[in-house]
C-alpha atoms as a PDB file:
ATOM      1  CA  MET A   1     138.948 127.396  14.894  1.00  0.00           C
ATOM      2  CA  PHE A   2     141.634 130.550  15.723  1.00  0.00           C
ATOM      3  CA  GLN A   3     144.692 130.724  13.887  1.00  0.00           C
ATOM      4  CA  ILE A   4     147.271 133.344  15.161  1.00  0.00           C
ATOM      5  CA  LEU A   5     150.745 131.900  14.398  1.00  0.00           C
ATOM      6  CA  GLU A   6     153.025 132.733  11.703  1.00  0.00           C
ATOM      7  CA  THR A   7     153.375 130.019   8.617  1.00  0.00           C
ATOM      8  CA  ALA A   8     156.804 131.201   7.686  1.00  0.00           C
ATOM      9  CA  THR A   9     158.188 131.079  10.683  1.00  0.00           C
ATOM     10  CA  LEU A  10     156.820 127.453  11.639  1.00  0.00           C
ATOM     11  CA  LEU A  11     158.281 126.491   8.604  1.00  0.00           C
ATOM     12  CA  ARG A  12     161.508 128.208   9.193  1.00  0.00           C
ATOM     13  CA  LEU A  13     161.766 126.695  12.652  1.00  0.00           C
ATOM     14  CA  LEU A  14     160.614 122.922  11.972  1.00  0.00           C
ATOM     15  CA  ASP A  15     163.051 122.973   9.097  1.00  0.00           C
ATOM     16  CA  ALA A  16     165.063 120.137   8.628  1.00  0.00           C
ATOM     17  CA  ALA A  17     167.598 118.559   6.295  1.00  0.00           C
ATOM     18  CA  PRO A  18     165.404 117.004   3.016  1.00  0.00           C
ATOM     19  CA  GLU A  19     166.804 113.512   3.765  1.00  0.00           C
ATOM     20  CA  ALA A  20     166.498 113.478   7.700  1.00  0.00           C
ATOM     21  CA  VAL A  21     162.475 114.072   7.042  1.00  0.00           C
ATOM     22  CA  HIS A  22     162.175 111.328   4.405  1.00  0.00           C
ATOM     23  CA  HIS A  23     164.647 109.018   6.856  1.00  0.00           C
ATOM     24  CA  THR A  24     161.418 110.083   9.491  1.00  0.00           C
ATOM     25  CA  ILE A  25     158.328 109.742   7.942  1.00  0.00           C
ATOM     26  CA  GLU A  26     159.544 106.241   6.048  1.00  0.00           C
ATOM     27  CA  MET A  27     160.762 104.788   9.533  1.00  0.00           C
ATOM     28  CA  GLY A  28     157.106 105.601  10.812  1.00  0.00           C
ATOM     29  CA  GLN A  29     154.893 104.966   8.545  1.00  0.00           C
ATOM     30  CA  TRP A  30     153.301 108.478   7.924  1.00  0.00           C
ATOM     31  CA  THR A  31     150.905 108.469   5.355  1.00  0.00           C
ATOM     32  CA  GLY A  32     149.906 112.156   3.850  1.00  0.00           C
ATOM     33  CA  CYS A  33     153.834 113.224   3.970  1.00  0.00           C
ATOM     34  CA  VAL A  34     156.129 114.934   2.177  1.00  0.00           C
ATOM     35  CA  TRP A  35     159.856 116.523   2.277  1.00  0.00           C
ATOM     36  CA  PRO A  36     161.681 119.433   1.213  1.00  0.00           C
ATOM     37  CA  GLY A  37     162.813 118.405  -2.239  1.00  0.00           C
ATOM     38  CA  HIS A  38     160.318 115.911  -2.999  1.00  0.00           C
ATOM     39  CA  PRO A  39     158.921 116.430  -6.300  1.00  0.00           C
ATOM     40  CA  GLU A  40     155.117 117.589  -5.028  1.00  0.00           C
ATOM     41  CA  TRP A  41     156.452 119.862  -2.050  1.00  0.00           C
ATOM     42  CA  GLU A  42     155.677 123.009  -3.527  1.00  0.00           C
ATOM     43  CA  ALA A  43     152.544 121.706  -4.641  1.00  0.00           C
ATOM     44  CA  HIS A  44     150.906 120.899  -1.345  1.00  0.00           C
ATOM     45  CA  GLU A  45     149.711 123.614   1.306  1.00  0.00           C
ATOM     46  CA  ALA A  46     151.424 124.569   4.440  1.00  0.00           C
ATOM     47  CA  CYS A  47     149.710 122.473   6.413  1.00  0.00           C
ATOM     48  CA  ILE A  48     150.927 119.612   5.049  1.00  0.00           C
ATOM     49  CA  GLN A  49     154.252 120.730   4.943  1.00  0.00           C
ATOM     50  CA  ILE A  50     154.453 121.590   8.678  1.00  0.00           C
ATOM     51  CA  ARG A  51     153.065 118.747   9.616  1.00  0.00           C
ATOM     52  CA  SER A  52     155.839 116.671   7.140  1.00  0.00           C
ATOM     53  CA  LEU A  53     158.555 119.215   9.095  1.00  0.00           C
ATOM     54  CA  ALA A  54     156.856 118.452  12.431  1.00  0.00           C
ATOM     55  CA  LEU A  55     156.837 114.702  12.764  1.00  0.00           C
ATOM     56  CA  HIS A  56     160.407 114.308  12.410  1.00  0.00           C
ATOM     57  CA  TYR A  57     161.290 117.877  14.553  1.00  0.00           C
ATOM     58  CA  PHE A  58     159.102 116.147  17.616  1.00  0.00           C
ATOM     59  CA  THR A  59     159.992 112.438  16.548  1.00  0.00           C
ATOM     60  CA  VAL A  60     164.152 113.593  16.966  1.00  0.00           C
ATOM     61  CA  ARG A  61     164.040 115.385  20.127  1.00  0.00           C
ATOM     62  CA  TYR A  62     161.557 113.016  21.756  1.00  0.00           C
ATOM     63  CA  PRO A  63     162.973 109.541  20.118  1.00  0.00           C
ATOM     64  CA  SER A  64     161.209 107.734  23.262  1.00  0.00           C
ATOM     65  CA  ALA A  65     157.710 109.369  22.821  1.00  0.00           C
ATOM     66  CA  GLU A  66     154.248 107.545  21.537  1.00  0.00           C
ATOM     67  CA  ALA A  67     153.273 108.291  18.112  1.00  0.00           C
ATOM     68  CA  HIS A  68     150.212 109.708  18.792  1.00  0.00           C
ATOM     69  CA  ARG A  69     151.960 112.601  20.611  1.00  0.00           C
ATOM     70  CA  TYR A  70     153.847 113.431  17.691  1.00  0.00           C
ATOM     71  CA  GLU A  71     150.482 113.555  15.363  1.00  0.00           C
ATOM     72  CA  ILE A  72     148.771 115.728  17.959  1.00  0.00           C
ATOM     73  CA  ALA A  73     151.701 118.158  18.287  1.00  0.00           C
ATOM     74  CA  ALA A  74     151.855 117.616  14.416  1.00  0.00           C
ATOM     75  CA  GLN A  75     148.314 118.065  14.054  1.00  0.00           C
ATOM     76  CA  LEU A  76     148.144 120.814  16.234  1.00  0.00           C
ATOM     77  CA  LEU A  77     150.719 122.887  14.304  1.00  0.00           C
ATOM     78  CA  ALA A  78     149.584 122.004  10.734  1.00  0.00           C
ATOM     79  CA  SER A  79     145.937 123.658  11.441  1.00  0.00           C
ATOM     80  CA  GLN A  80     147.238 126.804  12.325  1.00  0.00           C
ATOM     81  CA  ALA A  81     148.224 127.190   8.453  1.00  0.00           C
ATOM     82  CA  CYS A  82     145.463 125.491   7.101  1.00  0.00           C
ATOM     83  CA  PRO A  83     143.504 127.608   4.443  1.00  0.00           C
ATOM     84  CA  GLN A  84     140.424 125.403   5.529  1.00  0.00           C
ATOM     85  CA  GLY A  85     140.203 126.773   9.414  1.00  0.00           C
ATOM     86  CA  GLY A  86     142.347 123.685  10.405  1.00  0.00           C
ATOM     87  CA  ASP A  87     139.507 122.006  12.447  1.00  0.00           C
ATOM     88  CA  GLN A  88     139.390 118.830  10.029  1.00  0.00           C
ATOM     89  CA  HIS A  89     142.721 118.297  10.932  1.00  0.00           C
ATOM     90  CA  LEU A  90     142.259 118.366  14.961  1.00  0.00           C
ATOM     91  CA  ASP A  91     140.521 115.805  16.735  1.00  0.00           C
ATOM     92  CA  MET A  92     139.093 117.524  20.117  1.00  0.00           C
ATOM     93  CA  GLU A  93     140.764 114.798  22.845  1.00  0.00           C
ATOM     94  CA  PRO A  94     141.276 116.331  26.051  1.00  0.00           C
ATOM     95  CA  ILE A  95     145.088 116.825  25.067  1.00  0.00           C
ATOM     96  CA  VAL A  96     144.057 118.786  22.272  1.00  0.00           C
ATOM     97  CA  GLN A  97     141.447 121.093  23.979  1.00  0.00           C
ATOM     98  CA  GLU A  98     143.987 121.641  26.908  1.00  0.00           C
ATOM     99  CA  ALA A  99     146.565 122.905  23.820  1.00  0.00           C
ATOM    100  CA  LEU A 100     144.020 125.141  22.455  1.00  0.00           C
ATOM    101  CA  LEU A 101     143.649 126.636  25.530  1.00  0.00           C
ATOM    102  CA  TRP A 102     147.017 127.254  26.393  1.00  0.00           C
ATOM    103  CA  LEU A 103     147.525 128.709  22.698  1.00  0.00           C
ATOM    104  CA  TRP A 104     144.304 130.746  23.375  1.00  0.00           C
ATOM    105  CA  ALA A 105     145.673 132.692  26.729  1.00  0.00           C
ATOM    106  CA  LEU A 106     149.386 132.559  25.436  1.00  0.00           C
ATOM    107  CA  ALA A 107     147.614 134.946  22.793  1.00  0.00           C
ATOM    108  CA  GLY A 108     146.029 136.894  25.342  1.00  0.00           C
ATOM    109  CA  GLY A 109     142.376 135.201  25.040  1.00  0.00           C
ATOM    110  CA  PRO A 110     141.499 136.780  21.837  1.00  0.00           C
ATOM    111  CA  VAL A 111     137.476 136.992  21.196  1.00  0.00           C
ATOM    112  CA  VAL A 112     135.984 134.424  18.767  1.00  0.00           C
ATOM    113  CA  PRO A 113     133.772 136.599  16.496  1.00  0.00           C
ATOM    114  CA  ASP A 114     130.724 135.776  16.388  1.00  0.00           C
ATOM    115  CA  THR A 115     130.639 136.052  20.194  1.00  0.00           C
ATOM    116  CA  PRO A 116     126.954 138.047  21.673  1.00  0.00           C
ATOM    117  CA  ARG A 117     127.687 141.469  22.687  1.00  0.00           C
ATOM    118  CA  VAL A 118     129.993 141.970  20.034  1.00  0.00           C
ATOM    119  CA  ILE A 119     128.884 144.797  17.678  1.00  0.00           C
ATOM    120  CA  MET A 120     130.043 144.522  13.827  1.00  0.00           C
ATOM    121  CA  PRO A 121     130.893 146.331  11.298  1.00  0.00           C
ATOM    122  CA  PRO A 122     134.202 147.274  11.360  1.00  0.00           C
ATOM    123  CA  LEU A 123     137.831 146.541  11.073  1.00  0.00           C
ATOM    124  CA  GLN A 124     139.757 145.928   7.926  1.00  0.00           C
ATOM    125  CA  ASP A 125     140.831 142.737   7.717  1.00  0.00           C
ATOM    126  CA  THR A 126     144.379 143.580   6.214  1.00  0.00           C
ATOM    127  CA  THR A 127     144.986 144.626   9.736  1.00  0.00           C
ATOM    128  CA  PRO A 128     147.377 142.635  11.953  1.00  0.00           C
ATOM    129  CA  VAL A 129     146.208 140.381  14.410  1.00  0.00           C
ATOM    130  CA  PRO A 130     147.086 141.932  17.859  1.00  0.00           C
ATOM    131  CA  LEU A 131     149.472 139.486  20.166  1.00  0.00           C
ATOM    132  CA  PRO A 132     151.469 140.103  23.285  1.00  0.00           C
ATOM    133  CA  GLY A 133     154.236 141.781  22.306  1.00  0.00           C
ATOM    134  CA  GLY A 134     153.479 142.611  18.906  1.00  0.00           C
ATOM    135  CA  ASP A 135     156.032 140.800  17.282  1.00  0.00           C
ATOM    136  CA  PRO A 136     154.505 137.385  15.566  1.00  0.00           C
ATOM    137  CA  VAL A 137     157.724 135.629  14.912  1.00  0.00           C
ATOM    138  CA  ALA A 138     158.593 136.302  18.882  1.00  0.00           C
ATOM    139  CA  PHE A 139     155.299 134.993  19.139  1.00  0.00           C
ATOM    140  CA  THR A 140     155.283 132.298  17.238  1.00  0.00           C
ATOM    141  CA  ALA A 141     158.499 130.894  18.197  1.00  0.00           C
ATOM    142  CA  THR A 142     157.405 131.157  21.787  1.00  0.00           C
ATOM    143  CA  ALA A 143     154.033 129.360  21.057  1.00  0.00           C
ATOM    144  CA  LEU A 144     155.531 126.477  19.444  1.00  0.00           C
ATOM    145  CA  ALA A 145     157.878 126.119  22.401  1.00  0.00           C
ATOM    146  CA  MET A 146     155.188 126.133  25.267  1.00  0.00           C
ATOM    147  CA  LEU A 147     153.387 123.403  22.864  1.00  0.00           C
ATOM    148  CA  GLU A 148     156.397 121.573  22.804  1.00  0.00           C
ATOM    149  CA  ALA A 149     156.908 121.818  26.763  1.00  0.00           C
ATOM    150  CA  LEU A 150     152.873 120.849  27.259  1.00  0.00           C
ATOM    151  CA  LEU A 151     152.488 118.176  25.070  1.00  0.00           C
ATOM    152  CA  PHE A 152     155.938 116.191  26.263  1.00  0.00           C
ATOM    153  CA  THR A 153     157.585 118.080  29.271  1.00  0.00           C
ATOM    154  CA  GLY A 154     154.846 119.343  31.379  1.00  0.00           C
ATOM    155  CA  ASN A 155     152.155 122.678  32.462  1.00  0.00           C
ATOM    156  CA  GLU A 156     155.416 123.646  34.715  1.00  0.00           C
ATOM    157  CA  ALA A 157     157.736 123.659  31.730  1.00  0.00           C
ATOM    158  CA  ALA A 158     155.000 125.085  29.489  1.00  0.00           C
ATOM    159  CA  GLN A 159     153.912 127.801  32.096  1.00  0.00           C
ATOM    160  CA  GLN A 160     158.132 128.914  32.703  1.00  0.00           C
ATOM    161  CA  ILE A 161     158.164 129.437  28.788  1.00  0.00           C
ATOM    162  CA  THR A 162     155.170 131.448  28.675  1.00  0.00           C
ATOM    163  CA  ALA A 163     156.365 133.333  31.614  1.00  0.00           C
ATOM    164  CA  THR A 164     159.500 134.385  30.538  1.00  0.00           C
ATOM    165  CA  PHE A 165     158.142 135.498  27.091  1.00  0.00           C
ATOM    166  CA  LEU A 166     155.181 137.453  28.869  1.00  0.00           C
ATOM    167  CA  ARG A 167     157.441 139.248  30.922  1.00  0.00           C
ATOM    168  CA  THR A 168     159.342 141.115  28.848  1.00  0.00           C
ATOM    169  CA  HIS A 169     156.433 142.867  27.415  1.00  0.00           C
ATOM    170  CA  ALA A 170     154.126 145.449  29.214  1.00  0.00           C
ATOM    171  CA  ASP A 171     151.395 145.541  27.366  1.00  0.00           C
ATOM    172  CA  ALA A 172     147.941 145.033  28.366  1.00  0.00           C
ATOM    173  CA  LEU A 173     147.642 142.023  25.888  1.00  0.00           C
ATOM    174  CA  ALA A 174     150.567 140.506  27.635  1.00  0.00           C
ATOM    175  CA  ARG A 175     149.797 141.504  31.431  1.00  0.00           C
ATOM    176  CA  ARG A 176     146.118 139.654  30.556  1.00  0.00           C
ATOM    177  CA  ALA A 177     148.010 136.672  29.327  1.00  0.00           C
ATOM    178  CA  LEU A 178     149.800 136.049  32.558  1.00  0.00           C
ATOM    179  CA  MET A 179     146.602 136.234  34.471  1.00  0.00           C
ATOM    180  CA  LEU A 180     145.085 134.199  31.652  1.00  0.00           C
ATOM    181  CA  ILE A 181     148.112 131.375  31.312  1.00  0.00           C
ATOM    182  CA  ASP A 182     147.792 131.201  35.918  1.00  0.00           C
ATOM    183  CA  ALA A 183     144.245 131.025  35.755  1.00  0.00           C
ATOM    184  CA  ILE A 184     144.653 127.676  33.875  1.00  0.00           C
ATOM    185  CA  VAL A 185     147.488 126.203  35.880  1.00  0.00           C
ATOM    186  CA  GLN A 186     145.834 127.374  38.974  1.00  0.00           C
ATOM    187  CA  GLN A 187     142.514 125.828  37.965  1.00  0.00           C
ATOM    188  CA  GLU A 188     140.853 128.115  38.462  1.00  0.00           C
ATOM    189  CA  THR A 189     137.879 128.244  35.824  1.00  0.00           C
ATOM    190  CA  ALA A 190     136.525 131.253  36.810  1.00  0.00           C
ATOM    191  CA  ARG A 191     139.122 133.523  36.524  1.00  0.00           C
ATOM    192  CA  VAL A 192     139.328 132.646  32.939  1.00  0.00           C
ATOM    193  CA  VAL A 193     135.427 132.625  32.010  1.00  0.00           C
ATOM    194  CA  GLU A 194     135.535 135.621  33.640  1.00  0.00           C
ATOM    195  CA  ALA A 195     138.210 138.240  32.552  1.00  0.00           C
ATOM    196  CA  GLY A 196     135.828 140.514  30.567  1.00  0.00           C
ATOM    197  CA  VAL A 197     137.340 141.752  27.271  1.00  0.00           C
ATOM    198  CA  ILE A 198     139.895 144.391  26.984  1.00  0.00           C
ATOM    199  CA  CYS A 199     140.568 147.246  24.599  1.00  0.00           C
ATOM    200  CA  VAL A 200     143.896 146.153  22.715  1.00  0.00           C
ATOM    201  CA  ASP A 201     144.345 150.163  22.164  1.00  0.00           C
ATOM    202  CA  CYS A 202     144.136 151.499  25.366  1.00  0.00           C
ATOM    203  CA  GLY A 203     143.951 148.363  27.613  1.00  0.00           C
ATOM    204  CA  ALA A 204     140.727 148.961  29.396  1.00  0.00           C
ATOM    205  CA  GLU A 205     139.165 145.791  31.019  1.00  0.00           C
ATOM    206  CA  GLY A 206     135.764 144.788  31.495  1.00  0.00           C
ATOM    207  CA  LEU A 207     134.348 145.837  28.248  1.00  0.00           C
ATOM    208  CA  ASP A 208     130.150 145.473  28.319  1.00  0.00           C
ATOM    209  CA  VAL A 209     130.288 146.325  24.414  1.00  0.00           C
ATOM    210  CA  TRP A 210     133.218 146.196  22.495  1.00  0.00           C
ATOM    211  CA  TYR A 211     133.666 145.943  18.384  1.00  0.00           C
ATOM    212  CA  THR A 212     135.582 143.567  16.726  1.00  0.00           C
ATOM    213  CA  GLY A 213     137.390 142.392  13.484  1.00  0.00           C
ATOM    214  CA  GLN A 214     134.686 139.512  11.458  1.00  0.00           C
ATOM    215  CA  THR A 215     138.012 137.001  11.017  1.00  0.00           C
ATOM    216  CA  TRP A 216     140.262 137.246  14.400  1.00  0.00           C
ATOM    217  CA  GLY A 217     139.792 138.458  17.594  1.00  0.00           C
ATOM    218  CA  GLU A 218     141.455 141.921  18.128  1.00  0.00           C
ATOM    219  CA  THR A 219     138.719 144.575  20.422  1.00  0.00           C
ATOM    220  CA  LEU A 220     138.134 147.539  20.801  1.00  0.00           C
ATOM    221  CA  CYS A 221     136.261 149.984  22.928  1.00  0.00           C
ATOM    222  CA  GLU A 222     134.075 152.541  21.420  1.00  0.00           C
ATOM    223  CA  ALA A 223     136.436 155.180  21.544  1.00  0.00           C
ATOM    224  CA  CYS A 224     138.926 153.810  20.316  1.00  0.00           C
ATOM    225  CA  TYR A 225     137.337 152.509  17.281  1.00  0.00           C
ATOM    226  CA  GLU A 226     135.872 155.492  16.791  1.00  0.00           C
ATOM    227  CA  THR A 227     139.294 156.828  16.333  1.00  0.00           C
ATOM    228  CA  ARG A 228     140.245 154.003  14.128  1.00  0.00           C
ATOM    229  CA  VAL A 229     137.757 155.341  12.047  1.00  0.00           C
ATOM    230  CA  THR A 230     138.182 159.071  11.705  1.00  0.00           C
ATOM    231  CA  HIS A 231     141.787 157.863  10.814  1.00  0.00           C
ATOM    232  CA  GLY A 232     140.347 155.899   8.287  1.00  0.00           C
ATOM    233  CA  GLN A 233     141.484 152.388  10.122  1.00  0.00           C
ATOM    234  CA  ALA A 234     138.166 151.011  10.303  1.00  0.00           C
ATOM    235  CA  HIS A 235     134.464 150.820   8.515  1.00  0.00           C
ATOM    236  CA  PRO A 236     132.049 152.861   9.778  1.00  0.00           C
ATOM    237  CA  PRO A 237     128.882 151.393  11.811  1.00  0.00           C
ATOM    238  CA  ASN A 238     125.984 150.114   9.486  1.00  0.00           C
ATOM    239  CA  PRO A 239     123.085 152.609   9.977  1.00  0.00           C
END
């Protein structure tokens, strides 16, 4: 499970009047929810807050949708803020797997930290997660709009949202994300699998050996990794 969306931005984008959120929760008979202003609101983890707000957000915007679709959308967003990693929020049915694949592609296809051929020691955990465009707020807003389109409108709308965002950026991750999204839409699985690994610093593609952080998927070629070590931005390799 990879967590790449900014919690504070999700809470801001999903925010609504307390009485309205409360009404949605009561009318939908949703369990395990709270609403802003509830005595236990601040005591709950952000994933519970996000799920509660998201259920209201999607119910209001798509009143004729199936309740199960609200739950899927809300849990997908909640999983991004769960301190336990988020897996327990998700039932891996096909629509969830598809949504996670799109989210992974939008981020430029981050490498799972324990992927074979990854050489470990390296990066400090305080280094920001690399994202297309470099702005976690804009990326999170785009990801929310993309997931909403995927679950309630369709793939074509989701692709238009991602293309509009990614084409405003010229970095290597944005170019890679555009390719991955296109491959998913065209159902060209081989292009996704064979996309290879890029260096997020210099943009070198098709790396056979790379360096990555231990908690998320930033990837560096050897030269860029050594540059970070020299500047004290990464730990040197273990002897």
